[in-house]
C-alpha atoms as a PDB file:
ATOM      1  CA  MET A   1     -20.680  18.433  -8.762  1.00  0.00           C
ATOM      2  CA  TYR A   2     -23.678  17.677  -6.297  1.00  0.00           C
ATOM      3  CA  PRO A   3     -26.513  15.569  -7.606  1.00  0.00           C
ATOM      4  CA  PRO A   4     -29.675  17.391  -8.762  1.00  0.00           C
ATOM      5  CA  ASP A   5     -31.764  16.008  -5.763  1.00  0.00           C
ATOM      6  CA  LEU A   6     -29.090  17.475  -3.308  1.00  0.00           C
ATOM      7  CA  ILE A   7     -29.122  20.792  -4.882  1.00  0.00           C
ATOM      8  CA  GLU A   8     -33.012  20.988  -4.648  1.00  0.00           C
ATOM      9  CA  ALA A   9     -32.686  20.223  -1.107  1.00  0.00           C
ATOM     10  CA  LEU A  10     -30.363  22.838  -0.564  1.00  0.00           C
ATOM     11  CA  LYS A  11     -32.764  25.343  -2.184  1.00  0.00           C
ATOM     12  CA  ASP A  12     -35.416  24.204   0.015  1.00  0.00           C
ATOM     13  CA  ALA A  13     -33.354  24.561   3.187  1.00  0.00           C
ATOM     14  CA  LEU A  14     -32.142  28.177   2.269  1.00  0.00           C
ATOM     15  CA  ARG A  15     -35.689  29.071   1.581  1.00  0.00           C
ATOM     16  CA  SER A  16     -36.826  28.146   5.083  1.00  0.00           C
ATOM     17  CA  ILE A  17     -34.067  28.854   7.592  1.00  0.00           C
ATOM     18  CA  TYR A  18     -34.755  32.673   7.327  1.00  0.00           C
ATOM     19  CA  TRP A  19     -37.983  34.699   6.961  1.00  0.00           C
ATOM     20  CA  TYR A  20     -36.295  37.847   6.175  1.00  0.00           C
ATOM     21  CA  LYS A  21     -34.004  38.397   2.860  1.00  0.00           C
ATOM     22  CA  ARG A  22     -31.785  40.501   4.915  1.00  0.00           C
ATOM     23  CA  GLN A  23     -30.931  37.615   7.099  1.00  0.00           C
ATOM     24  CA  LEU A  24     -30.630  35.379   4.103  1.00  0.00           C
ATOM     25  CA  ARG A  25     -28.303  37.870   2.433  1.00  0.00           C
ATOM     26  CA  SER A  26     -26.107  38.041   5.496  1.00  0.00           C
ATOM     27  CA  PHE A  27     -26.062  34.393   5.767  1.00  0.00           C
ATOM     28  CA  LEU A  28     -24.877  34.019   2.060  1.00  0.00           C
ATOM     29  CA  GLU A  29     -22.243  36.551   2.238  1.00  0.00           C
ATOM     30  CA  ASN A  30     -20.718  34.708   5.132  1.00  0.00           C
ATOM     31  CA  SER A  31     -20.829  31.508   3.403  1.00  0.00           C
ATOM     32  CA  ARG A  32     -18.285  32.031   0.793  1.00  0.00           C
ATOM     33  CA  VAL A  33     -20.804  32.689  -2.052  1.00  0.00           C
ATOM     34  CA  PRO A  34     -19.095  34.952  -4.510  1.00  0.00           C
ATOM     35  CA  PRO A  35     -20.096  38.480  -3.809  1.00  0.00           C
ATOM     36  CA  GLU A  36     -20.625  39.450  -7.359  1.00  0.00           C
ATOM     37  CA  ILE A  37     -23.376  36.905  -7.450  1.00  0.00           C
ATOM     38  CA  THR A  38     -25.185  38.068  -4.348  1.00  0.00           C
ATOM     39  CA  ALA A  39     -24.930  41.660  -5.421  1.00  0.00           C
ATOM     40  CA  GLN A  40     -26.771  40.798  -8.694  1.00  0.00           C
ATOM     41  CA  GLN A  41     -29.909  39.871  -6.804  1.00  0.00           C
ATOM     42  CA  GLN A  42     -32.737  42.509  -6.325  1.00  0.00           C
ATOM     43  CA  TRP A  43     -32.737  42.196  -2.548  1.00  0.00           C
ATOM     44  CA  SER A  44     -34.886  45.409  -2.236  1.00  0.00           C
ATOM     45  CA  ASP A  45     -37.509  44.495  -4.673  1.00  0.00           C
ATOM     46  CA  PRO A  46     -40.622  43.434  -3.007  1.00  0.00           C
ATOM     47  CA  GLN A  47     -41.528  41.329  -6.116  1.00  0.00           C
ATOM     48  CA  GLU A  48     -38.073  39.449  -5.976  1.00  0.00           C
ATOM     49  CA  TYR A  49     -39.376  36.936  -3.708  1.00  0.00           C
ATOM     50  CA  LYS A  50     -36.615  34.881  -1.551  1.00  0.00           C
ATOM     51  CA  ALA A  51     -37.412  31.619  -3.408  1.00  0.00           C
ATOM     52  CA  ILE A  52     -36.677  33.360  -6.582  1.00  0.00           C
ATOM     53  CA  ILE A  53     -33.412  34.824  -5.200  1.00  0.00           C
ATOM     54  CA  VAL A  54     -32.413  31.558  -3.808  1.00  0.00           C
ATOM     55  CA  ASP A  55     -32.874  29.746  -7.175  1.00  0.00           C
ATOM     56  CA  LYS A  56     -30.927  32.599  -9.161  1.00  0.00           C
ATOM     57  CA  ILE A  57     -27.982  32.211  -6.411  1.00  0.00           C
ATOM     58  CA  VAL A  58     -27.686  28.396  -6.445  1.00  0.00           C
ATOM     59  CA  ASN A  59     -28.180  28.040 -10.053  1.00  0.00           C
ATOM     60  CA  ALA A  60     -25.352  30.485 -10.909  1.00  0.00           C
ATOM     61  CA  LEU A  61     -23.133  28.642  -8.634  1.00  0.00           C
ATOM     62  CA  VAL A  62     -24.069  25.315 -10.340  1.00  0.00           C
ATOM     63  CA  ALA A  63     -23.422  26.884 -13.755  1.00  0.00           C
ATOM     64  CA  LYS A  64     -19.695  27.944 -12.708  1.00  0.00           C
ATOM     65  CA  GLY A  65     -19.300  24.065 -12.355  1.00  0.00           C
ATOM     66  CA  ASP A  66     -16.127  23.059 -10.585  1.00  0.00           C
ATOM     67  CA  GLY A  67     -14.987  26.635 -10.066  1.00  0.00           C
ATOM     68  CA  SER A  68     -17.653  27.006  -7.675  1.00  0.00           C
ATOM     69  CA  ILE A  69     -17.438  23.499  -5.694  1.00  0.00           C
ATOM     70  CA  GLY A  70     -15.813  25.162  -2.657  1.00  0.00           C
ATOM     71  CA  SER A  71     -18.471  27.859  -2.409  1.00  0.00           C
ATOM     72  CA  ILE A  72     -21.261  25.332  -2.550  1.00  0.00           C
ATOM     73  CA  ARG A  73     -19.562  22.863  -0.315  1.00  0.00           C
ATOM     74  CA  GLU A  74     -19.239  25.689   2.389  1.00  0.00           C
ATOM     75  CA  LEU A  75     -22.642  26.781   1.842  1.00  0.00           C
ATOM     76  CA  ILE A  76     -23.894  23.120   2.530  1.00  0.00           C
ATOM     77  CA  ARG A  77     -21.933  22.834   5.515  1.00  0.00           C
ATOM     78  CA  ARG A  78     -22.977  25.859   7.228  1.00  0.00           C
ATOM     79  CA  VAL A  79     -26.613  25.011   6.501  1.00  0.00           C
ATOM     80  CA  ILE A  80     -26.534  21.516   7.866  1.00  0.00           C
ATOM     81  CA  GLU A  81     -24.652  22.757  10.853  1.00  0.00           C
ATOM     82  CA  MET A  82     -27.772  24.790  12.025  1.00  0.00           C
ATOM     83  CA  ASN A  83     -29.751  23.155  14.581  1.00  0.00           C
ATOM     84  CA  ASP A  84     -31.486  26.138  16.249  1.00  0.00           C
ATOM     85  CA  PHE A  85     -34.465  27.780  14.271  1.00  0.00           C
ATOM     86  CA  SER A  86     -35.927  29.453  17.292  1.00  0.00           C
ATOM     87  CA  HIS A  87     -35.936  32.788  15.326  1.00  0.00           C
ATOM     88  CA  LEU A  88     -38.587  31.748  13.383  1.00  0.00           C
ATOM     89  CA  LEU A  89     -41.104  31.546  16.395  1.00  0.00           C
ATOM     90  CA  LYS A  90     -41.336  35.204  16.238  1.00  0.00           C
ATOM     91  CA  GLU A  91     -43.124  34.970  12.904  1.00  0.00           C
ATOM     92  CA  GLU A  92     -46.629  34.327  12.063  1.00  0.00           C
ATOM     93  CA  GLU A  93     -47.014  30.639  11.947  1.00  0.00           C
ATOM     94  CA  GLY A  94     -43.759  30.368  13.599  1.00  0.00           C
ATOM     95  CA  ARG A  95     -44.225  26.699  14.548  1.00  0.00           C
ATOM     96  CA  ARG A  96     -44.912  25.558  11.263  1.00  0.00           C
ATOM     97  CA  LEU A  97     -41.913  27.648   9.874  1.00  0.00           C
ATOM     98  CA  LYS A  98     -39.638  26.264  12.542  1.00  0.00           C
ATOM     99  CA  LYS A  99     -40.918  22.714  11.481  1.00  0.00           C
ATOM    100  CA  GLU A 100     -40.431  23.464   7.948  1.00  0.00           C
ATOM    101  CA  ALA A 101     -36.623  24.395   8.426  1.00  0.00           C
ATOM    102  CA  GLU A 102     -35.897  21.496  10.542  1.00  0.00           C
ATOM    103  CA  VAL A 103     -37.329  19.087   8.144  1.00  0.00           C
ATOM    104  CA  ASN A 104     -35.529  20.628   5.224  1.00  0.00           C
ATOM    105  CA  VAL A 105     -32.394  20.990   6.874  1.00  0.00           C
ATOM    106  CA  GLU A 106     -32.609  17.428   8.063  1.00  0.00           C
ATOM    107  CA  ARG A 107     -33.151  16.144   4.422  1.00  0.00           C
ATOM    108  CA  LEU A 108     -30.307  17.978   3.215  1.00  0.00           C
ATOM    109  CA  ARG A 109     -28.085  16.606   6.120  1.00  0.00           C
ATOM    110  CA  GLN A 110     -29.403  13.065   5.229  1.00  0.00           C
ATOM    111  CA  LEU A 111     -28.695  13.641   1.259  1.00  0.00           C
ATOM    112  CA  VAL A 112     -25.250  14.771   2.122  1.00  0.00           C
ATOM    113  CA  ILE A 113     -24.250  11.786   4.361  1.00  0.00           C
ATOM    114  CA  GLN A 114     -25.560   9.527   1.334  1.00  0.00           C
ATOM    115  CA  HIS A 115     -23.702  11.618  -1.110  1.00  0.00           C
ATOM    116  CA  ASN A 116     -20.527  11.311   0.865  1.00  0.00           C
ATOM    117  CA  ALA A 117     -20.832   7.708   1.511  1.00  0.00           C
ATOM    118  CA  LYS A 118     -21.306   7.278  -2.396  1.00  0.00           C
ATOM    119  CA  ILE A 119     -18.111   9.435  -2.841  1.00  0.00           C
ATOM    120  CA  ARG A 120     -16.278   7.181  -0.566  1.00  0.00           C
ATOM    121  CA  ARG A 121     -17.371   3.813  -1.990  1.00  0.00           C
ATOM    122  CA  GLN A 122     -16.465   5.135  -5.439  1.00  0.00           C
ATOM    123  CA  LYS A 123     -13.075   6.209  -4.273  1.00  0.00           C
ATOM    124  CA  GLU A 124     -12.542   2.827  -2.535  1.00  0.00           C
ATOM    125  CA  GLU A 125     -13.600   1.153  -5.732  1.00  0.00           C
ATOM    126  CA  ARG A 126     -11.357   3.317  -8.014  1.00  0.00           C
ATOM    127  CA  ASP A 127      -8.530   2.722  -5.442  1.00  0.00           C
ATOM    128  CA  SER A 128      -9.419  -1.098  -5.433  1.00  0.00           C
ATOM    129  CA  ARG A 129      -9.157  -1.134  -9.200  1.00  0.00           C
ATOM    130  CA  VAL A 130      -5.956   0.920  -9.646  1.00  0.00           C
ATOM    131  CA  LYS A 131      -4.270  -1.201  -6.598  1.00  0.00           C
ATOM    132  CA  ALA A 132      -5.295  -4.661  -8.631  1.00  0.00           C
ATOM    133  CA  ALA A 133      -3.978  -3.356 -11.698  1.00  0.00           C
ATOM    134  CA  GLU A 134      -0.678  -2.314 -10.118  1.00  0.00           C
ATOM    135  CA  GLN A 135      -0.474  -5.858  -8.394  1.00  0.00           C
ATOM    136  CA  GLN A 136      -1.201  -7.517 -11.977  1.00  0.00           C
ATOM    137  CA  SER A 137       1.363  -5.187 -13.553  1.00  0.00           C
ATOM    138  CA  GLN A 138       3.799  -6.319 -10.647  1.00  0.00           C
ATOM    139  CA  SER A 139       2.808  -9.843 -10.978  1.00  0.00           C
ATOM    140  CA  THR A 140       3.388 -10.027 -14.610  1.00  0.00           C
ATOM    141  CA  ASN A 141       6.699  -7.994 -14.363  1.00  0.00           C
ATOM    142  CA  ARG A 142       7.761 -10.372 -11.703  1.00  0.00           C
ATOM    143  CA  PHE A 143       6.822 -13.574 -13.712  1.00  0.00           C
ATOM    144  CA  LEU A 144       8.964 -11.936 -16.626  1.00  0.00           C
ATOM    145  CA  LEU A 145      11.931 -11.087 -14.571  1.00  0.00           C
ATOM    146  CA  LEU A 146      11.726 -14.555 -12.852  1.00  0.00           C
ATOM    147  CA  THR A 147      11.622 -16.422 -16.197  1.00  0.00           C
ATOM    148  CA  GLN A 148      14.671 -14.390 -17.410  1.00  0.00           C
ATOM    149  CA  LEU A 149      16.607 -15.218 -14.114  1.00  0.00           C
ATOM    150  CA  LYS A 150      15.407 -18.931 -14.496  1.00  0.00           C
ATOM    151  CA  ASP A 151      16.908 -18.909 -18.013  1.00  0.00           C
ATOM    152  CA  ARG A 152      20.142 -17.565 -16.841  1.00  0.00           C
ATOM    153  CA  PHE A 153      20.332 -19.921 -14.155  1.00  0.00           C
ATOM    154  CA  ASN A 154      19.863 -22.745 -16.517  1.00  0.00           C
ATOM    155  CA  GLU A 155      22.677 -21.313 -18.792  1.00  0.00           C
ATOM    156  CA  VAL A 156      24.985 -21.286 -15.706  1.00  0.00           C
ATOM    157  CA  VAL A 157      24.099 -24.967 -14.831  1.00  0.00           C
ATOM    158  CA  ALA A 158      25.224 -26.025 -18.353  1.00  0.00           C
ATOM    159  CA  ILE A 159      28.632 -24.557 -18.131  1.00  0.00           C
ATOM    160  CA  THR A 160      31.219 -27.124 -17.103  1.00  0.00           C
ATOM    161  CA  ASP A 161      34.253 -24.873 -16.361  1.00  0.00           C
ATOM    162  CA  PRO A 162      34.124 -23.961 -12.769  1.00  0.00           C
ATOM    163  CA  ARG A 163      35.881 -20.452 -13.464  1.00  0.00           C
ATOM    164  CA  GLU A 164      33.428 -19.494 -16.187  1.00  0.00           C
ATOM    165  CA  ARG A 165      30.587 -20.680 -14.415  1.00  0.00           C
ATOM    166  CA  GLY A 166      31.538 -18.664 -11.398  1.00  0.00           C
ATOM    167  CA  ARG A 167      31.727 -15.446 -13.384  1.00  0.00           C
ATOM    168  CA  LYS A 168      28.181 -16.099 -14.599  1.00  0.00           C
ATOM    169  CA  PHE A 169      26.848 -17.101 -11.388  1.00  0.00           C
ATOM    170  CA  GLU A 170      28.197 -13.903  -9.642  1.00  0.00           C
ATOM    171  CA  PRO A 171      26.200 -11.278 -11.731  1.00  0.00           C
ATOM    172  CA  PHE A 172      23.159 -13.771 -11.648  1.00  0.00           C
ATOM    173  CA  LEU A 173      23.053 -13.703  -7.579  1.00  0.00           C
ATOM    174  CA  PHE A 174      23.367  -9.968  -7.651  1.00  0.00           C
ATOM    175  CA  ASP A 175      20.519  -9.411  -9.994  1.00  0.00           C
ATOM    176  CA  LEU A 176      18.500 -12.143  -8.130  1.00  0.00           C
ATOM    177  CA  PHE A 177      18.891 -10.515  -4.868  1.00  0.00           C
ATOM    178  CA  ASN A 178      18.352  -6.823  -6.618  1.00  0.00           C
ATOM    179  CA  ALA A 179      15.074  -8.275  -8.160  1.00  0.00           C
ATOM    180  CA  PHE A 180      13.661  -9.240  -4.559  1.00  0.00           C
ATOM    181  CA  ASP A 181      14.551  -5.763  -3.034  1.00  0.00           C
ATOM    182  CA  LEU A 182      17.293  -7.315  -0.930  1.00  0.00           C
ATOM    183  CA  GLN A 183      19.639  -4.391  -1.647  1.00  0.00           C
ATOM    184  CA  PRO A 184      22.788  -6.045  -2.611  1.00  0.00           C
ATOM    185  CA  ARG A 185      25.913  -4.169  -1.666  1.00  0.00           C
ATOM    186  CA  GLY A 186      28.311  -3.489  -4.571  1.00  0.00           C
ATOM    187  CA  ALA A 187      29.381  -6.192  -6.783  1.00  0.00           C
ATOM    188  CA  PHE A 188      29.618  -9.545  -5.480  1.00  0.00           C
ATOM    189  CA  SER A 189      33.143 -10.732  -5.610  1.00  0.00           C
ATOM    190  CA  LEU A 190      34.481 -13.976  -6.880  1.00  0.00           C
ATOM    191  CA  ILE A 191      37.455 -15.689  -5.261  1.00  0.00           C
ATOM    192  CA  GLY A 192      38.115 -19.031  -6.850  1.00  0.00           C
ATOM    193  CA  GLU A 193      34.732 -20.959  -6.924  1.00  0.00           C
ATOM    194  CA  GLN A 194      33.522 -18.682  -3.702  1.00  0.00           C
ATOM    195  CA  ILE A 195      31.305 -15.686  -4.121  1.00  0.00           C
ATOM    196  CA  ASP A 196      31.186 -13.272  -1.327  1.00  0.00           C
ATOM    197  CA  GLY A 197      28.651 -10.560  -0.898  1.00  0.00           C
ATOM    198  CA  ALA A 198      26.419  -8.469   1.388  1.00  0.00           C
ATOM    199  CA  PHE A 199      22.796  -7.622   1.474  1.00  0.00           C
ATOM    200  CA  GLU A 200      20.037  -6.044   3.771  1.00  0.00           C
ATOM    201  CA  MET A 201      16.653  -7.542   4.528  1.00  0.00           C
ATOM    202  CA  ASP A 202      14.156  -6.049   6.970  1.00  0.00           C
ATOM    203  CA  GLY A 203      16.747  -3.914   8.800  1.00  0.00           C
ATOM    204  CA  SER A 204      19.199  -6.883   9.100  1.00  0.00           C
ATOM    205  CA  ARG A 205      22.713  -6.922   7.375  1.00  0.00           C
ATOM    206  CA  PHE A 206      23.792 -10.198   5.905  1.00  0.00           C
ATOM    207  CA  LEU A 207      27.185 -11.479   4.614  1.00  0.00           C
ATOM    208  CA  MET A 208      26.773 -13.947   1.938  1.00  0.00           C
ATOM    209  CA  GLU A 209      29.022 -16.813   0.832  1.00  0.00           C
ATOM    210  CA  ALA A 210      28.121 -18.836  -2.174  1.00  0.00           C
ATOM    211  CA  LYS A 211      29.884 -22.113  -3.306  1.00  0.00           C
ATOM    212  CA  TRP A 212      29.094 -24.301  -6.412  1.00  0.00           C
ATOM    213  CA  GLU A 213      31.177 -27.390  -5.702  1.00  0.00           C
ATOM    214  CA  LYS A 214      30.552 -31.063  -6.825  1.00  0.00           C
ATOM    215  CA  SER A 215      30.036 -32.324  -3.368  1.00  0.00           C
ATOM    216  CA  PRO A 216      27.739 -30.943  -0.189  1.00  0.00           C
ATOM    217  CA  ILE A 217      29.666 -28.249   1.985  1.00  0.00           C
ATOM    218  CA  GLY A 218      30.848 -29.788   5.057  1.00  0.00           C
ATOM    219  CA  ALA A 219      31.680 -28.654   8.719  1.00  0.00           C
ATOM    220  CA  ARG A 220      34.954 -26.799   8.124  1.00  0.00           C
ATOM    221  CA  GLU A 221      33.742 -24.398   5.321  1.00  0.00           C
ATOM    222  CA  ILE A 222      30.340 -23.851   7.298  1.00  0.00           C
ATOM    223  CA  ARG A 223      32.409 -23.102  10.770  1.00  0.00           C
ATOM    224  CA  ASN A 224      34.602 -20.779   8.896  1.00  0.00           C
ATOM    225  CA  PHE A 225      31.910 -18.751   7.533  1.00  0.00           C
ATOM    226  CA  LYS A 226      30.098 -18.806  11.116  1.00  0.00           C
ATOM    227  CA  GLU A 227      33.288 -17.190  12.547  1.00  0.00           C
ATOM    228  CA  GLN A 228      33.596 -14.636   9.761  1.00  0.00           C
ATOM    229  CA  VAL A 229      29.823 -13.629  10.565  1.00  0.00           C
ATOM    230  CA  GLU A 230      30.780 -13.695  14.452  1.00  0.00           C
ATOM    231  CA  SER A 231      33.547 -11.260  13.812  1.00  0.00           C
ATOM    232  CA  LYS A 232      31.324  -8.557  12.552  1.00  0.00           C
ATOM    233  CA  LEU A 233      28.736  -6.235  14.474  1.00  0.00           C
ATOM    234  CA  ASP A 234      26.265  -8.240  16.656  1.00  0.00           C
ATOM    235  CA  ASN A 235      23.504  -7.549  14.366  1.00  0.00           C
ATOM    236  CA  THR A 236      25.240  -9.341  11.310  1.00  0.00           C
ATOM    237  CA  LEU A 237      23.712 -12.556  10.168  1.00  0.00           C
ATOM    238  CA  GLY A 238      24.795 -14.816   7.357  1.00  0.00           C
ATOM    239  CA  LEU A 239      23.653 -16.590   4.212  1.00  0.00           C
ATOM    240  CA  PHE A 240      25.579 -19.617   2.979  1.00  0.00           C
ATOM    241  CA  ILE A 241      24.370 -20.698  -0.360  1.00  0.00           C
ATOM    242  CA  SER A 242      25.769 -24.094  -1.563  1.00  0.00           C
ATOM    243  CA  ILE A 243      24.163 -25.286  -4.881  1.00  0.00           C
ATOM    244  CA  ASN A 244      24.552 -28.936  -4.060  1.00  0.00           C
ATOM    245  CA  GLY A 245      23.571 -28.638  -0.374  1.00  0.00           C
ATOM    246  CA  PHE A 246      25.374 -29.424   2.930  1.00  0.00           C
ATOM    247  CA  THR A 247      26.457 -32.500   4.741  1.00  0.00           C
ATOM    248  CA  LYS A 248      24.345 -33.682   7.562  1.00  0.00           C
ATOM    249  CA  GLU A 249      27.512 -33.835   9.930  1.00  0.00           C
ATOM    250  CA  GLY A 250      28.550 -30.309   8.555  1.00  0.00           C
ATOM    251  CA  VAL A 251      25.333 -28.794   9.629  1.00  0.00           C
ATOM    252  CA  GLN A 252      25.111 -30.401  13.072  1.00  0.00           C
ATOM    253  CA  ALA A 253      28.657 -29.312  13.845  1.00  0.00           C
ATOM    254  CA  VAL A 254      27.947 -25.675  13.836  1.00  0.00           C
ATOM    255  CA  GLN A 255      24.466 -25.842  15.772  1.00  0.00           C
ATOM    256  CA  ARG A 256      25.964 -26.427  19.052  1.00  0.00           C
ATOM    257  CA  SER A 257      26.182 -22.723  19.482  1.00  0.00           C
ATOM    258  CA  ARG A 258      23.672 -19.708  19.018  1.00  0.00           C
ATOM    259  CA  PRO A 259      22.965 -19.690  15.338  1.00  0.00           C
ATOM    260  CA  ASN A 260      23.938 -16.556  13.253  1.00  0.00           C
ATOM    261  CA  LEU A 261      23.725 -18.029   9.963  1.00  0.00           C
ATOM    262  CA  ILE A 262      21.245 -19.854   7.455  1.00  0.00           C
ATOM    263  CA  LEU A 263      21.881 -22.336   4.764  1.00  0.00           C
ATOM    264  CA  LEU A 264      20.331 -22.204   1.209  1.00  0.00           C
ATOM    265  CA  ASP A 265      20.728 -24.824  -1.246  1.00  0.00           C
ATOM    266  CA  GLY A 266      20.239 -25.087  -5.128  1.00  0.00           C
ATOM    267  CA  GLU A 267      16.771 -26.619  -4.665  1.00  0.00           C
ATOM    268  CA  ASP A 268      15.853 -23.682  -2.284  1.00  0.00           C
ATOM    269  CA  LEU A 269      16.980 -21.392  -5.295  1.00  0.00           C
ATOM    270  CA  SER A 270      15.041 -23.229  -7.822  1.00  0.00           C
ATOM    271  CA  ALA A 271      11.742 -23.164  -5.830  1.00  0.00           C
ATOM    272  CA  ALA A 272      12.191 -19.157  -5.581  1.00  0.00           C
ATOM    273  CA  LEU A 273      13.016 -19.117  -9.322  1.00  0.00           C
ATOM    274  CA  GLU A 274       9.854 -21.048 -10.136  1.00  0.00           C
ATOM    275  CA  GLY A 275       7.757 -18.679  -7.998  1.00  0.00           C
ATOM    276  CA  LEU A 276       6.842 -21.309  -5.760  1.00  0.00           C
ATOM    277  CA  ILE A 277       7.962 -19.112  -2.991  1.00  0.00           C
ATOM    278  CA  ASP A 278       9.284 -15.599  -2.599  1.00  0.00           C
ATOM    279  CA  LEU A 279      12.891 -15.331  -1.788  1.00  0.00           C
ATOM    280  CA  ARG A 280      12.230 -12.915   0.937  1.00  0.00           C
ATOM    281  CA  GLU A 281       9.862 -15.142   2.579  1.00  0.00           C
ATOM    282  CA  LEU A 282      12.017 -18.107   1.932  1.00  0.00           C
ATOM    283  CA  LEU A 283      14.680 -16.481   3.964  1.00  0.00           C
ATOM    284  CA  ASN A 284      12.354 -14.999   6.656  1.00  0.00           C
ATOM    285  CA  ARG A 285      11.051 -18.612   7.174  1.00  0.00           C
ATOM    286  CA  LYS A 286      14.315 -20.056   7.446  1.00  0.00           C
ATOM    287  CA  LEU A 287      15.336 -17.099   9.946  1.00  0.00           C
ATOM    288  CA  ARG A 288      12.326 -18.150  12.174  1.00  0.00           C
ATOM    289  CA  HIS A 289      12.884 -21.789  12.228  1.00  0.00           C
ATOM    290  CA  ALA A 290      16.576 -21.193  12.958  1.00  0.00           C
ATOM    291  CA  ALA A 291      15.539 -18.814  15.915  1.00  0.00           C
ATOM    292  CA  GLN A 292      12.847 -21.206  17.374  1.00  0.00           C
ATOM    293  CA  THR A 293      14.825 -24.634  16.850  1.00  0.00           C
ATOM    294  CA  GLY A 294      18.376 -24.089  16.313  1.00  0.00           C
ATOM    295  CA  ASN A 295      18.047 -25.620  12.889  1.00  0.00           C
ATOM    296  CA  ILE A 296      19.923 -23.552  10.316  1.00  0.00           C
ATOM    297  CA  TYR A 297      19.054 -25.758   7.419  1.00  0.00           C
ATOM    298  CA  ARG A 298      15.444 -25.578   6.974  1.00  0.00           C
ATOM    299  CA  ARG A 299      14.740 -26.492   3.093  1.00  0.00           C
ATOM    300  CA  TYR A 300      11.919 -25.406   1.030  1.00  0.00           C
ATOM    301  CA  ARG A 301      10.914 -28.985   0.523  1.00  0.00           C
ATOM    302  CA  ASP A 302      10.378 -29.451   4.199  1.00  0.00           C
ATOM    303  CA  MET A 303       8.270 -26.315   4.362  1.00  0.00           C
ATOM    304  CA  ALA A 304       6.125 -27.344   1.449  1.00  0.00           C
ATOM    305  CA  LEU A 305       5.725 -30.851   2.979  1.00  0.00           C
ATOM    306  CA  GLU A 306       4.588 -29.360   6.329  1.00  0.00           C
ATOM    307  CA  SER A 307       2.222 -27.179   4.635  1.00  0.00           C
ATOM    308  CA  THR A 308       0.680 -30.103   2.675  1.00  0.00           C
ATOM    309  CA  THR A 309       0.411 -32.310   5.863  1.00  0.00           C
ATOM    310  CA  ASP A 310      -1.313 -29.099   7.655  1.00  0.00           C
ATOM    311  CA  LYS A 311      -4.059 -28.961   5.110  1.00  0.00           C
ATOM    312  CA  LEU A 312      -4.993 -32.996   5.231  1.00  0.00           C
END
């Protein structure tokens, strides 16, 4: 409901915009005031002054609470849209009456502007609080989820049997990519110590290959995966995950042609699990770097070092 000072300003404006009660009645009836309220007034009684009728009508609307908010809003809108009061000039002291109407309507108009601005501020503050609460909740949920995933990853690290480790690593990767809204496609499949999968990010489709071997991955494995990606549609990219990294020679061997894949190692994975960087952001930064420089193996440690250097 509108504040009391605005309601009183509405009454003042209604009392002054018309000199005759019949004109006022017509205006009210065309302003969505419920007919049962206007019909109850003693319009033909000479002792029922215009000011009394206005008080009764507006008070009746206010008494209905939220049920009459639409009627009051429409009434206010029609009043503040009035800008011509020349009809009052025909009356005795017409100039004074016209000036009084202009002043009262303008006062109402300014109060409406202030009220609407206050409502907008309150809504923005309320939305801001809701958004902050949602972000806090999401942050808490993300922290708990990352903690669970990190614990699972540490359990996988402790497994010595390669096949058992692969069986545990497969669902872990699927859940990790799902946690970051990367839309993993179906169950990742385990072939020996190699996990194949697919996911989507920002409209791009990725093939994924993951290996957990004792030594860094060399040129042959990277080249084979690159050729596999190239055999798919033009917009298909590749992500090769090797927990123990990649050889320098292997990376250089496949960087002589247009890059269509990026490389991620266990250290990168740990940075995402520790919450040091969002996995999506990590992949996007690797992609941007590969597109700009041709280097497909941009590690998180290099990104962090560069950020630290920039602040010095």
